[in-house]
Structure formats: C-alpha cells, structure tokens
PDB file of all heavy atoms in Angstrom:
ATOM      1  N   ASP A   1     101.404 105.030 117.036  1.00  0.00           N
ATOM      2  CA  ASP A   1     100.819 105.082 118.310  1.00  0.00           C
ATOM      3  C   ASP A   1      99.351 104.486 118.334  1.00  0.00           C
ATOM      4  O   ASP A   1      98.711 104.879 119.299  1.00  0.00           O
ATOM      5  CB  ASP A   1     100.996 106.315 118.956  1.00  0.00           C
ATOM      6  CG  ASP A   1     100.430 107.546 118.054  1.00  0.00           C
ATOM      7  OD1 ASP A   1     100.089 107.283 116.891  1.00  0.00           O
ATOM      8  OD2 ASP A   1     100.273 108.564 118.536  1.00  0.00           O
ATOM      9  N   GLY A   2      98.990 103.884 117.208  1.00  0.00           N
ATOM     10  CA  GLY A   2      97.589 103.419 117.140  1.00  0.00           C
ATOM     11  C   GLY A   2      97.617 101.897 117.436  1.00  0.00           C
ATOM     12  O   GLY A   2      98.278 101.454 118.555  1.00  0.00           O
ATOM     13  N   LEU A   3      96.880 101.157 116.654  1.00  0.00           N
ATOM     14  CA  LEU A   3      97.048  99.732 116.780  1.00  0.00           C
ATOM     15  C   LEU A   3      98.408  99.235 116.533  1.00  0.00           C
ATOM     16  O   LEU A   3      99.169  99.860 115.761  1.00  0.00           O
ATOM     17  CB  LEU A   3      96.213  99.034 115.723  1.00  0.00           C
ATOM     18  CG  LEU A   3      94.599  99.394 115.743  1.00  0.00           C
ATOM     19  CD1 LEU A   3      93.903  98.618 114.682  1.00  0.00           C
ATOM     20  CD2 LEU A   3      93.991  99.107 117.067  1.00  0.00           C
ATOM     21  N   ASN A   4      98.848  98.239 117.261  1.00  0.00           N
ATOM     22  CA  ASN A   4     100.160  97.812 117.190  1.00  0.00           C
ATOM     23  C   ASN A   4     100.494  97.086 115.711  1.00  0.00           C
ATOM     24  O   ASN A   4     101.460  97.376 115.090  1.00  0.00           O
ATOM     25  CB  ASN A   4     100.585  96.802 118.243  1.00  0.00           C
ATOM     26  CG  ASN A   4     100.347  97.152 119.669  1.00  0.00           C
ATOM     27  OD1 ASN A   4      99.216  97.363 120.094  1.00  0.00           O
ATOM     28  ND2 ASN A   4     101.429  97.557 120.212  1.00  0.00           N
ATOM     29  N   LEU A   5      99.480  96.254 115.265  1.00  0.00           N
ATOM     30  CA  LEU A   5      99.491  95.680 113.998  1.00  0.00           C
ATOM     31  C   LEU A   5      98.052  95.678 113.289  1.00  0.00           C
ATOM     32  O   LEU A   5      97.164  95.923 114.056  1.00  0.00           O
ATOM     33  CB  LEU A   5      99.914  94.206 114.180  1.00  0.00           C
ATOM     34  CG  LEU A   5     101.310  93.896 114.756  1.00  0.00           C
ATOM     35  CD1 LEU A   5     101.241  92.452 115.251  1.00  0.00           C
ATOM     36  CD2 LEU A   5     102.427  94.239 113.927  1.00  0.00           C
ATOM     37  N   VAL A   6      98.044  95.576 112.132  1.00  0.00           N
ATOM     38  CA  VAL A   6      96.798  95.292 111.379  1.00  0.00           C
ATOM     39  C   VAL A   6      97.095  94.151 110.484  1.00  0.00           C
ATOM     40  O   VAL A   6      98.188  93.919 110.014  1.00  0.00           O
ATOM     41  CB  VAL A   6      96.385  96.606 110.520  1.00  0.00           C
ATOM     42  CG1 VAL A   6      96.058  97.756 111.403  1.00  0.00           C
ATOM     43  CG2 VAL A   6      97.459  96.960 109.576  1.00  0.00           C
ATOM     44  N   PHE A   7      96.015  93.460 110.159  1.00  0.00           N
ATOM     45  CA  PHE A   7      96.056  92.321 109.214  1.00  0.00           C
ATOM     46  C   PHE A   7      96.376  92.957 107.772  1.00  0.00           C
ATOM     47  O   PHE A   7      95.499  93.866 107.410  1.00  0.00           O
ATOM     48  CB  PHE A   7      94.830  91.447 109.213  1.00  0.00           C
ATOM     49  CG  PHE A   7      94.839  90.589 110.479  1.00  0.00           C
ATOM     50  CD1 PHE A   7      93.883  90.845 111.354  1.00  0.00           C
ATOM     51  CD2 PHE A   7      95.590  89.474 110.623  1.00  0.00           C
ATOM     52  CE1 PHE A   7      93.796  90.133 112.542  1.00  0.00           C
ATOM     53  CE2 PHE A   7      95.480  88.698 111.678  1.00  0.00           C
ATOM     54  CZ  PHE A   7      94.602  89.070 112.760  1.00  0.00           C
ATOM     55  N   GLN A   8      97.239  92.329 107.117  1.00  0.00           N
ATOM     56  CA  GLN A   8      97.341  92.672 105.602  1.00  0.00           C
ATOM     57  C   GLN A   8      97.118  91.576 104.899  1.00  0.00           C
ATOM     58  O   GLN A   8      97.831  90.513 104.917  1.00  0.00           O
ATOM     59  CB  GLN A   8      98.811  93.295 105.383  1.00  0.00           C
ATOM     60  CG  GLN A   8      99.010  94.609 106.079  1.00  0.00           C
ATOM     61  CD  GLN A   8     100.512  94.944 106.157  1.00  0.00           C
ATOM     62  OE1 GLN A   8     101.150  94.743 107.226  1.00  0.00           O
ATOM     63  NE2 GLN A   8     101.118  95.614 105.019  1.00  0.00           N
ATOM     64  N   PHE A   9      96.113  91.599 103.957  1.00  0.00           N
ATOM     65  CA  PHE A   9      95.629  90.447 103.309  1.00  0.00           C
ATOM     66  C   PHE A   9      95.990  90.140 101.910  1.00  0.00           C
ATOM     67  O   PHE A   9      95.525  89.343 101.156  1.00  0.00           O
ATOM     68  CB  PHE A   9      94.008  90.511 103.257  1.00  0.00           C
ATOM     69  CG  PHE A   9      93.502  90.571 104.698  1.00  0.00           C
ATOM     70  CD1 PHE A   9      92.751  91.555 105.173  1.00  0.00           C
ATOM     71  CD2 PHE A   9      93.821  89.548 105.561  1.00  0.00           C
ATOM     72  CE1 PHE A   9      92.087  91.605 106.439  1.00  0.00           C
ATOM     73  CE2 PHE A   9      93.201  89.328 106.818  1.00  0.00           C
ATOM     74  CZ  PHE A   9      92.397  90.456 107.341  1.00  0.00           C
ATOM     75  N   GLU A  10      97.104  90.985 101.432  1.00  0.00           N
ATOM     76  CA  GLU A  10      97.476  90.795 100.022  1.00  0.00           C
ATOM     77  C   GLU A  10      97.958  89.411  99.716  1.00  0.00           C
ATOM     78  O   GLU A  10      97.724  88.804  98.691  1.00  0.00           O
ATOM     79  CB  GLU A  10      98.713  91.679  99.690  1.00  0.00           C
ATOM     80  CG  GLU A  10      98.319  93.235  99.685  1.00  0.00           C
ATOM     81  CD  GLU A  10      98.896  93.914 100.989  1.00  0.00           C
ATOM     82  OE1 GLU A  10      98.767  93.361 101.969  1.00  0.00           O
ATOM     83  OE2 GLU A  10      99.256  94.988 100.797  1.00  0.00           O
ATOM     84  N   LEU A  11      98.596  88.624 100.767  1.00  0.00           N
ATOM     85  CA  LEU A  11      99.111  87.395 100.694  1.00  0.00           C
ATOM     86  C   LEU A  11      98.056  86.400 100.408  1.00  0.00           C
ATOM     87  O   LEU A  11      98.313  85.242  99.737  1.00  0.00           O
ATOM     88  CB  LEU A  11      99.986  86.998 101.858  1.00  0.00           C
ATOM     89  CG  LEU A  11     100.860  85.781 101.712  1.00  0.00           C
ATOM     90  CD1 LEU A  11     101.932  86.070 100.519  1.00  0.00           C
ATOM     91  CD2 LEU A  11     101.698  85.603 102.998  1.00  0.00           C
ATOM     92  N   ILE A  12      96.882  86.619 100.989  1.00  0.00           N
ATOM     93  CA  ILE A  12      95.789  85.695 100.694  1.00  0.00           C
ATOM     94  C   ILE A  12      95.375  85.591  99.357  1.00  0.00           C
ATOM     95  O   ILE A  12      94.956  84.574  98.745  1.00  0.00           O
ATOM     96  CB  ILE A  12      94.565  86.155 101.583  1.00  0.00           C
ATOM     97  CG1 ILE A  12      94.778  85.746 103.059  1.00  0.00           C
ATOM     98  CG2 ILE A  12      93.326  85.435 101.086  1.00  0.00           C
ATOM     99  CD1 ILE A  12      93.601  86.098 103.995  1.00  0.00           C
ATOM    100  N   HIS A  13      95.550  86.700  98.630  1.00  0.00           N
ATOM    101  CA  HIS A  13      95.188  86.767  97.112  1.00  0.00           C
ATOM    102  C   HIS A  13      96.415  86.711  96.229  1.00  0.00           C
ATOM    103  O   HIS A  13      96.540  87.497  95.323  1.00  0.00           O
ATOM    104  CB  HIS A  13      94.326  88.034  96.858  1.00  0.00           C
ATOM    105  CG  HIS A  13      93.141  88.239  97.857  1.00  0.00           C
ATOM    106  ND1 HIS A  13      92.101  87.395  97.671  1.00  0.00           N
ATOM    107  CD2 HIS A  13      93.056  89.043  98.959  1.00  0.00           C
ATOM    108  CE1 HIS A  13      91.203  87.750  98.606  1.00  0.00           C
ATOM    109  NE2 HIS A  13      91.668  88.583  99.368  1.00  0.00           N
ATOM    110  N   PHE A  14      97.352  85.858  96.650  1.00  0.00           N
ATOM    111  CA  PHE A  14      98.658  85.693  95.925  1.00  0.00           C
ATOM    112  C   PHE A  14      98.605  85.303  94.485  1.00  0.00           C
ATOM    113  O   PHE A  14      97.616  84.672  94.176  1.00  0.00           O
ATOM    114  CB  PHE A  14      99.572  84.762  96.737  1.00  0.00           C
ATOM    115  CG  PHE A  14      99.038  83.266  96.722  1.00  0.00           C
ATOM    116  CD1 PHE A  14      99.080  82.460  95.660  1.00  0.00           C
ATOM    117  CD2 PHE A  14      98.310  82.930  97.885  1.00  0.00           C
ATOM    118  CE1 PHE A  14      98.577  81.140  95.739  1.00  0.00           C
ATOM    119  CE2 PHE A  14      97.788  81.558  97.860  1.00  0.00           C
ATOM    120  CZ  PHE A  14      97.945  80.877  96.812  1.00  0.00           C
ATOM    121  N   ASP A  15      99.484  85.714  93.729  1.00  0.00           N
ATOM    122  CA  ASP A  15      99.776  85.235  92.384  1.00  0.00           C
ATOM    123  C   ASP A  15     101.116  84.437  92.575  1.00  0.00           C
ATOM    124  O   ASP A  15     102.090  84.906  92.952  1.00  0.00           O
ATOM    125  CB  ASP A  15      99.835  86.450  91.356  1.00  0.00           C
ATOM    126  CG  ASP A  15     100.215  85.971  89.985  1.00  0.00           C
ATOM    127  OD1 ASP A  15     100.028  84.615  89.771  1.00  0.00           O
ATOM    128  OD2 ASP A  15     100.549  86.751  89.131  1.00  0.00           O
ATOM    129  N   TYR A  16     100.911  83.186  92.419  1.00  0.00           N
ATOM    130  CA  TYR A  16     102.145  82.225  92.645  1.00  0.00           C
ATOM    131  C   TYR A  16     103.252  82.477  91.625  1.00  0.00           C
ATOM    132  O   TYR A  16     103.444  81.594  90.807  1.00  0.00           O
ATOM    133  CB  TYR A  16     101.638  80.746  92.693  1.00  0.00           C
ATOM    134  CG  TYR A  16     102.795  79.958  93.293  1.00  0.00           C
ATOM    135  CD1 TYR A  16     103.122  79.693  94.565  1.00  0.00           C
ATOM    136  CD2 TYR A  16     103.579  79.058  92.386  1.00  0.00           C
ATOM    137  CE1 TYR A  16     104.154  78.968  95.032  1.00  0.00           C
ATOM    138  CE2 TYR A  16     104.588  78.305  92.807  1.00  0.00           C
ATOM    139  CZ  TYR A  16     104.955  78.265  94.098  1.00  0.00           C
ATOM    140  OH  TYR A  16     105.937  77.483  94.669  1.00  0.00           O
ATOM    141  N   LYS A  17     103.946  83.594  91.709  1.00  0.00           N
ATOM    142  CA  LYS A  17     105.069  83.941  90.975  1.00  0.00           C
ATOM    143  C   LYS A  17     106.039  84.709  91.756  1.00  0.00           C
ATOM    144  O   LYS A  17     105.706  85.568  92.661  1.00  0.00           O
ATOM    145  CB  LYS A  17     104.556  84.925  89.682  1.00  0.00           C
ATOM    146  CG  LYS A  17     103.722  84.036  88.672  1.00  0.00           C
ATOM    147  CD  LYS A  17     103.331  85.060  87.533  1.00  0.00           C
ATOM    148  CE  LYS A  17     102.398  84.366  86.631  1.00  0.00           C
ATOM    149  NZ  LYS A  17     101.834  85.156  85.520  1.00  0.00           N
ATOM    150  N   ALA A  18     107.322  84.486  91.594  1.00  0.00           N
ATOM    151  CA  ALA A  18     108.386  85.226  92.329  1.00  0.00           C
ATOM    152  C   ALA A  18     108.176  86.697  92.233  1.00  0.00           C
ATOM    153  O   ALA A  18     108.442  87.382  93.259  1.00  0.00           O
ATOM    154  CB  ALA A  18     109.690  84.687  91.767  1.00  0.00           C
ATOM    155  N   GLN A  19     107.730  87.246  91.158  1.00  0.00           N
ATOM    156  CA  GLN A  19     107.624  88.599  90.895  1.00  0.00           C
ATOM    157  C   GLN A  19     106.594  89.218  91.886  1.00  0.00           C
ATOM    158  O   GLN A  19     106.728  90.290  92.461  1.00  0.00           O
ATOM    159  CB  GLN A  19     107.281  89.057  89.523  1.00  0.00           C
ATOM    160  CG  GLN A  19     107.400  90.492  89.233  1.00  0.00           C
ATOM    161  CD  GLN A  19     108.923  91.103  89.472  1.00  0.00           C
ATOM    162  OE1 GLN A  19     109.905  90.452  89.008  1.00  0.00           O
ATOM    163  NE2 GLN A  19     108.912  92.240  90.065  1.00  0.00           N
ATOM    164  N   PHE A  20     105.433  88.615  92.098  1.00  0.00           N
ATOM    165  CA  PHE A  20     104.439  89.049  93.013  1.00  0.00           C
ATOM    166  C   PHE A  20     105.069  89.201  94.461  1.00  0.00           C
ATOM    167  O   PHE A  20     104.835  90.168  95.085  1.00  0.00           O
ATOM    168  CB  PHE A  20     103.311  87.987  92.979  1.00  0.00           C
ATOM    169  CG  PHE A  20     102.382  88.270  94.015  1.00  0.00           C
ATOM    170  CD1 PHE A  20     101.215  89.167  93.910  1.00  0.00           C
ATOM    171  CD2 PHE A  20     102.349  87.673  95.467  1.00  0.00           C
ATOM    172  CE1 PHE A  20     100.192  89.387  94.834  1.00  0.00           C
ATOM    173  CE2 PHE A  20     101.509  88.006  96.291  1.00  0.00           C
ATOM    174  CZ  PHE A  20     100.400  88.758  96.185  1.00  0.00           C
ATOM    175  N   PHE A  21     105.775  88.135  94.841  1.00  0.00           N
ATOM    176  CA  PHE A  21     106.262  88.170  96.287  1.00  0.00           C
ATOM    177  C   PHE A  21     107.391  89.292  96.525  1.00  0.00           C
ATOM    178  O   PHE A  21     107.530  89.974  97.407  1.00  0.00           O
ATOM    179  CB  PHE A  21     106.689  86.795  96.582  1.00  0.00           C
ATOM    180  CG  PHE A  21     105.631  85.800  96.732  1.00  0.00           C
ATOM    181  CD1 PHE A  21     105.216  85.115  95.634  1.00  0.00           C
ATOM    182  CD2 PHE A  21     104.845  85.797  97.993  1.00  0.00           C
ATOM    183  CE1 PHE A  21     104.147  84.279  95.719  1.00  0.00           C
ATOM    184  CE2 PHE A  21     103.800  84.889  97.903  1.00  0.00           C
ATOM    185  CZ  PHE A  21     103.432  84.198  96.775  1.00  0.00           C
ATOM    186  N   LYS A  22     108.366  89.478  95.401  1.00  0.00           N
ATOM    187  CA  LYS A  22     109.285  90.433  95.406  1.00  0.00           C
ATOM    188  C   LYS A  22     108.582  91.862  95.383  1.00  0.00           C
ATOM    189  O   LYS A  22     109.056  92.788  96.266  1.00  0.00           O
ATOM    190  CB  LYS A  22     110.123  90.430  94.100  1.00  0.00           C
ATOM    191  CG  LYS A  22     111.144  91.476  93.925  1.00  0.00           C
ATOM    192  CD  LYS A  22     112.048  91.172  92.690  1.00  0.00           C
ATOM    193  CE  LYS A  22     113.196  92.193  92.666  1.00  0.00           C
ATOM    194  NZ  LYS A  22     112.842  93.526  92.385  1.00  0.00           N
ATOM    195  N   ASP A  23     107.503  92.133  94.596  1.00  0.00           N
ATOM    196  CA  ASP A  23     106.785  93.382  94.727  1.00  0.00           C
ATOM    197  C   ASP A  23     106.149  93.572  95.992  1.00  0.00           C
ATOM    198  O   ASP A  23     106.220  94.725  96.487  1.00  0.00           O
ATOM    199  CB  ASP A  23     105.736  93.355  93.554  1.00  0.00           C
ATOM    200  CG  ASP A  23     106.354  93.336  92.251  1.00  0.00           C
ATOM    201  OD1 ASP A  23     107.483  93.651  92.053  1.00  0.00           O
ATOM    202  OD2 ASP A  23     105.584  93.189  91.149  1.00  0.00           O
ATOM    203  N   LEU A  24     105.623  92.539  96.596  1.00  0.00           N
ATOM    204  CA  LEU A  24     104.920  92.645  97.892  1.00  0.00           C
ATOM    205  C   LEU A  24     106.059  93.024  98.909  1.00  0.00           C
ATOM    206  O   LEU A  24     105.755  93.912  99.771  1.00  0.00           O
ATOM    207  CB  LEU A  24     104.228  91.348  98.242  1.00  0.00           C
ATOM    208  CG  LEU A  24     103.538  91.360  99.639  1.00  0.00           C
ATOM    209  CD1 LEU A  24     102.487  92.520  99.660  1.00  0.00           C
ATOM    210  CD2 LEU A  24     102.858  90.029  99.897  1.00  0.00           C
ATOM    211  N   LEU A  25     107.143  92.470  99.035  1.00  0.00           N
ATOM    212  CA  LEU A  25     108.113  92.717  99.919  1.00  0.00           C
ATOM    213  C   LEU A  25     108.595  94.148  99.865  1.00  0.00           C
ATOM    214  O   LEU A  25     108.771  94.816 100.796  1.00  0.00           O
ATOM    215  CB  LEU A  25     109.362  91.875  99.793  1.00  0.00           C
ATOM    216  CG  LEU A  25     109.516  90.469 100.524  1.00  0.00           C
ATOM    217  CD1 LEU A  25     110.861  89.889 100.123  1.00  0.00           C
ATOM    218  CD2 LEU A  25     109.306  90.603 101.978  1.00  0.00           C
ATOM    219  N   GLU A  26     108.863  94.540  98.506  1.00  0.00           N
ATOM    220  CA  GLU A  26     109.394  95.913  98.387  1.00  0.00           C
ATOM    221  C   GLU A  26     108.349  97.002  98.613  1.00  0.00           C
ATOM    222  O   GLU A  26     108.620  98.021  99.215  1.00  0.00           O
ATOM    223  CB  GLU A  26     109.882  96.019  96.873  1.00  0.00           C
ATOM    224  CG  GLU A  26     111.117  95.212  96.691  1.00  0.00           C
ATOM    225  CD  GLU A  26     111.609  95.268  95.256  1.00  0.00           C
ATOM    226  OE1 GLU A  26     110.856  95.733  94.404  1.00  0.00           O
ATOM    227  OE2 GLU A  26     112.697  94.715  94.932  1.00  0.00           O
ATOM    228  N   LYS A  27     107.077  96.687  98.393  1.00  0.00           N
ATOM    229  CA  LYS A  27     105.878  97.604  98.784  1.00  0.00           C
ATOM    230  C   LYS A  27     105.823  97.804 100.320  1.00  0.00           C
ATOM    231  O   LYS A  27     105.725  98.906 100.692  1.00  0.00           O
ATOM    232  CB  LYS A  27     104.623  97.164  98.112  1.00  0.00           C
ATOM    233  CG  LYS A  27     103.430  98.031  98.188  1.00  0.00           C
ATOM    234  CD  LYS A  27     102.633  97.972  99.400  1.00  0.00           C
ATOM    235  CE  LYS A  27     101.913  96.616  99.657  1.00  0.00           C
ATOM    236  NZ  LYS A  27     101.084  96.647 100.831  1.00  0.00           N
ATOM    237  N   ASN A  28     105.858  96.634 101.009  1.00  0.00           N
ATOM    238  CA  ASN A  28     105.779  96.685 102.294  1.00  0.00           C
ATOM    239  C   ASN A  28     106.919  97.517 103.137  1.00  0.00           C
ATOM    240  O   ASN A  28     106.783  98.163 104.077  1.00  0.00           O
ATOM    241  CB  ASN A  28     105.731  95.375 102.925  1.00  0.00           C
ATOM    242  CG  ASN A  28     104.197  94.848 102.980  1.00  0.00           C
ATOM    243  OD1 ASN A  28     103.229  95.556 102.637  1.00  0.00           O
ATOM    244  ND2 ASN A  28     103.991  93.524 103.057  1.00  0.00           N
ATOM    245  N   GLU A  29     108.144  97.233 102.609  1.00  0.00           N
ATOM    246  CA  GLU A  29     109.263  98.057 103.083  1.00  0.00           C
ATOM    247  C   GLU A  29     109.233  99.539 102.709  1.00  0.00           C
ATOM    248  O   GLU A  29     109.618 100.275 103.603  1.00  0.00           O
ATOM    249  CB  GLU A  29     110.531  97.318 102.578  1.00  0.00           C
ATOM    250  CG  GLU A  29     110.849  96.092 103.216  1.00  0.00           C
ATOM    251  CD  GLU A  29     110.786  96.008 104.702  1.00  0.00           C
ATOM    252  OE1 GLU A  29     111.464  96.747 105.287  1.00  0.00           O
ATOM    253  OE2 GLU A  29     109.903  95.161 105.150  1.00  0.00           O
ATOM    254  N   ARG A  30     108.577  99.724 101.610  1.00  0.00           N
ATOM    255  CA  ARG A  30     108.391 101.195 101.273  1.00  0.00           C
ATOM    256  C   ARG A  30     107.255 101.893 102.154  1.00  0.00           C
ATOM    257  O   ARG A  30     107.504 103.103 102.587  1.00  0.00           O
ATOM    258  CB  ARG A  30     108.088 101.188  99.783  1.00  0.00           C
ATOM    259  CG  ARG A  30     107.971 102.703  99.157  1.00  0.00           C
ATOM    260  CD  ARG A  30     107.824 102.684  97.768  1.00  0.00           C
ATOM    261  NE  ARG A  30     106.619 101.953  97.333  1.00  0.00           N
ATOM    262  CZ  ARG A  30     106.510 100.778  96.655  1.00  0.00           C
ATOM    263  NH1 ARG A  30     107.749 100.130  96.475  1.00  0.00           N
ATOM    264  NH2 ARG A  30     105.370 100.276  96.409  1.00  0.00           N
ATOM    265  N   GLU A  31     106.110 101.152 102.261  1.00  0.00           N
ATOM    266  CA  GLU A  31     105.004 101.760 102.915  1.00  0.00           C
ATOM    267  C   GLU A  31     104.964 101.498 104.424  1.00  0.00           C
ATOM    268  O   GLU A  31     104.349 102.233 105.178  1.00  0.00           O
ATOM    269  CB  GLU A  31     103.779 101.249 102.249  1.00  0.00           C
ATOM    270  CG  GLU A  31     103.607 101.415 100.746  1.00  0.00           C
ATOM    271  CD  GLU A  31     103.358 102.901 100.559  1.00  0.00           C
ATOM    272  OE1 GLU A  31     102.886 103.662 101.458  1.00  0.00           O
ATOM    273  OE2 GLU A  31     103.714 103.352  99.430  1.00  0.00           O
ATOM    274  N   PHE A  32     105.605 100.355 104.815  1.00  0.00           N
ATOM    275  CA  PHE A  32     105.529 100.044 106.368  1.00  0.00           C
ATOM    276  C   PHE A  32     106.873  99.748 106.932  1.00  0.00           C
ATOM    277  O   PHE A  32     107.257  98.778 107.418  1.00  0.00           O
ATOM    278  CB  PHE A  32     104.539  98.888 106.497  1.00  0.00           C
ATOM    279  CG  PHE A  32     103.224  98.995 106.151  1.00  0.00           C
ATOM    280  CD1 PHE A  32     102.739  98.792 104.811  1.00  0.00           C
ATOM    281  CD2 PHE A  32     102.277  99.642 106.960  1.00  0.00           C
ATOM    282  CE1 PHE A  32     101.513  98.913 104.434  1.00  0.00           C
ATOM    283  CE2 PHE A  32     100.940  99.739 106.628  1.00  0.00           C
ATOM    284  CZ  PHE A  32     100.522  99.446 105.398  1.00  0.00           C
ATOM    285  N   PRO A  33     107.823 100.779 106.678  1.00  0.00           N
ATOM    286  CA  PRO A  33     109.223 100.558 107.320  1.00  0.00           C
ATOM    287  C   PRO A  33     109.057 100.561 108.685  1.00  0.00           C
ATOM    288  O   PRO A  33     108.150 101.117 109.435  1.00  0.00           O
ATOM    289  CB  PRO A  33     109.995 101.811 106.738  1.00  0.00           C
ATOM    290  CG  PRO A  33     108.919 102.844 106.630  1.00  0.00           C
ATOM    291  CD  PRO A  33     107.579 102.128 106.261  1.00  0.00           C
ATOM    292  N   ALA A  34     110.189 100.276 109.637  1.00  0.00           N
ATOM    293  CA  ALA A  34     110.263 100.315 110.932  1.00  0.00           C
ATOM    294  C   ALA A  34     110.065 101.811 111.353  1.00  0.00           C
ATOM    295  O   ALA A  34     110.533 102.790 110.608  1.00  0.00           O
ATOM    296  CB  ALA A  34     111.615  99.804 111.367  1.00  0.00           C
ATOM    297  N   PRO A  35     109.217 102.088 112.403  1.00  0.00           N
ATOM    298  CA  PRO A  35     108.841 101.116 113.431  1.00  0.00           C
ATOM    299  C   PRO A  35     107.489 100.253 113.217  1.00  0.00           C
ATOM    300  O   PRO A  35     107.087  99.463 113.957  1.00  0.00           O
ATOM    301  CB  PRO A  35     108.611 102.078 114.632  1.00  0.00           C
ATOM    302  CG  PRO A  35     107.997 103.257 114.023  1.00  0.00           C
ATOM    303  CD  PRO A  35     108.953 103.369 112.731  1.00  0.00           C
ATOM    304  N   TYR A  36     107.008 100.386 111.916  1.00  0.00           N
ATOM    305  CA  TYR A  36     105.749  99.677 111.465  1.00  0.00           C
ATOM    306  C   TYR A  36     106.250  98.260 111.272  1.00  0.00           C
ATOM    307  O   TYR A  36     107.365  98.019 110.825  1.00  0.00           O
ATOM    308  CB  TYR A  36     105.109 100.106 110.284  1.00  0.00           C
ATOM    309  CG  TYR A  36     104.608 101.532 110.480  1.00  0.00           C
ATOM    310  CD1 TYR A  36     105.277 102.683 109.876  1.00  0.00           C
ATOM    311  CD2 TYR A  36     103.519 101.893 111.183  1.00  0.00           C
ATOM    312  CE1 TYR A  36     104.686 103.973 110.041  1.00  0.00           C
ATOM    313  CE2 TYR A  36     103.068 103.155 111.421  1.00  0.00           C
ATOM    314  CZ  TYR A  36     103.600 104.205 110.809  1.00  0.00           C
ATOM    315  OH  TYR A  36     103.210 105.488 110.969  1.00  0.00           O
ATOM    316  N   THR A  37     105.390  97.211 111.536  1.00  0.00           N
ATOM    317  CA  THR A  37     105.697  95.842 111.367  1.00  0.00           C
ATOM    318  C   THR A  37     104.588  95.243 110.403  1.00  0.00           C
ATOM    319  O   THR A  37     103.479  95.195 110.765  1.00  0.00           O
ATOM    320  CB  THR A  37     105.752  95.055 112.696  1.00  0.00           C
ATOM    321  OG1 THR A  37     106.673  95.735 113.558  1.00  0.00           O
ATOM    322  CG2 THR A  37     106.132  93.604 112.397  1.00  0.00           C
TER     323      THR A  37
END
C-alpha cells in the first residue's frame, strides 16, 4: 500500500553469467512475490 513500484538496480550491475540471472530471478520471487512486482 506504499509506492506501487521501486527501481531495482541489481541488473545494472550484472555479471554476464547465467547463474547471476538465475539467482536474481529466484531472489526476486522470494523477496518480492505477488502482489509485489
């Protein structure tokens, strides 16, 4: 019920490896599940 969205900047500081993006996806689903986006 606060801001609808916030900028998340982890992707700006990416490590170009599949594991980095897998970890980021799973972290966001763990920490920001629906109704968060």
